Protein backbone atom coordinates (compact mmCIF):
# COMPACT_ATOMS: atom_id res chain seq x y z
CA MET A 1 14.29 -61.20 44.92
CA THR A 2 14.33 -57.39 46.04
CA SER A 3 11.39 -55.40 46.13
CA LEU A 4 10.88 -52.31 44.19
CA ARG A 5 11.82 -50.19 47.50
CA GLU A 6 14.90 -51.72 47.64
CA ARG A 7 15.78 -50.85 44.08
CA VAL A 8 14.59 -47.06 43.76
CA ASN A 9 16.68 -47.09 46.91
CA ALA A 10 19.58 -48.24 45.62
CA HIS A 11 19.35 -46.58 42.70
CA LEU A 12 18.25 -42.78 44.05
CA PRO A 13 21.47 -41.26 45.13
CA ILE A 14 23.03 -42.10 41.46
CA VAL A 15 19.64 -40.61 39.46
CA LEU A 16 19.30 -37.41 42.03
CA GLN A 17 23.22 -37.10 41.33
CA PHE A 18 22.44 -37.12 37.64
CA ILE A 19 19.95 -34.44 37.85
CA SER A 20 22.30 -32.53 39.82
CA THR A 21 24.88 -32.48 37.13
CA ILE A 22 22.52 -31.81 34.25
CA SER A 23 21.01 -28.69 36.75
CA LEU A 24 24.39 -27.16 37.25
CA THR A 25 24.98 -27.85 33.46
CA ILE A 26 21.80 -25.92 32.31
CA ILE A 27 22.78 -23.23 34.54
CA ALA A 28 26.21 -22.79 33.39
CA LEU A 29 24.52 -22.65 29.88
CA THR A 30 22.14 -19.93 30.32
CA ALA A 31 24.54 -17.68 32.44
CA ILE A 32 27.12 -18.11 29.65
CA CYS A 33 24.07 -17.29 27.02
CA GLY A 34 22.67 -14.34 29.11
CA SER A 35 25.77 -12.63 29.76
CA SER A 36 26.41 -13.25 25.65
CA SER A 37 22.83 -11.51 25.44
CA LEU A 38 23.83 -8.92 27.94
CA LYS A 39 26.50 -7.93 26.32
CA LYS A 40 25.17 -7.49 22.66
CA LEU A 41 22.28 -5.83 24.67
CA ALA A 42 24.93 -2.78 26.15
CA GLU A 43 26.75 -3.04 22.72
CA SER A 44 23.45 -1.60 21.17
CA HIS A 45 22.48 0.94 23.64
CA SER A 46 26.22 2.56 24.14
CA PRO A 47 26.50 5.81 22.68
CA ASN A 48 28.31 5.92 19.56
CA THR A 49 31.30 7.75 18.73
CA GLU A 50 29.95 8.87 15.12
CA SER A 51 26.17 9.65 16.01
CA SER A 52 27.38 11.70 18.90
CA ALA A 53 29.65 13.65 16.73
CA LEU A 54 26.80 14.05 14.26
CA ASN A 55 24.20 15.05 17.16
CA LYS A 56 26.52 17.77 18.41
CA VAL A 57 27.00 19.31 14.95
CA HIS A 58 23.03 19.32 14.33
CA MET A 59 22.47 21.18 17.57
CA HIS A 60 24.74 23.58 17.27
CA GLU A 61 23.36 24.61 13.50
């Protein structure tokens, strides 16, 4: 019969590889969601051509 330490040592590389894969997947999903959020944020703060034209008209009046 194998000891607990031997069983843990036998399965440790598999568990660590699984954790590494899950971590990389989470990082990739975070990057995708983050870039999407940044794109929406940039679009909401970009100058709108219609509002810029209206501001110019009101400033000259």
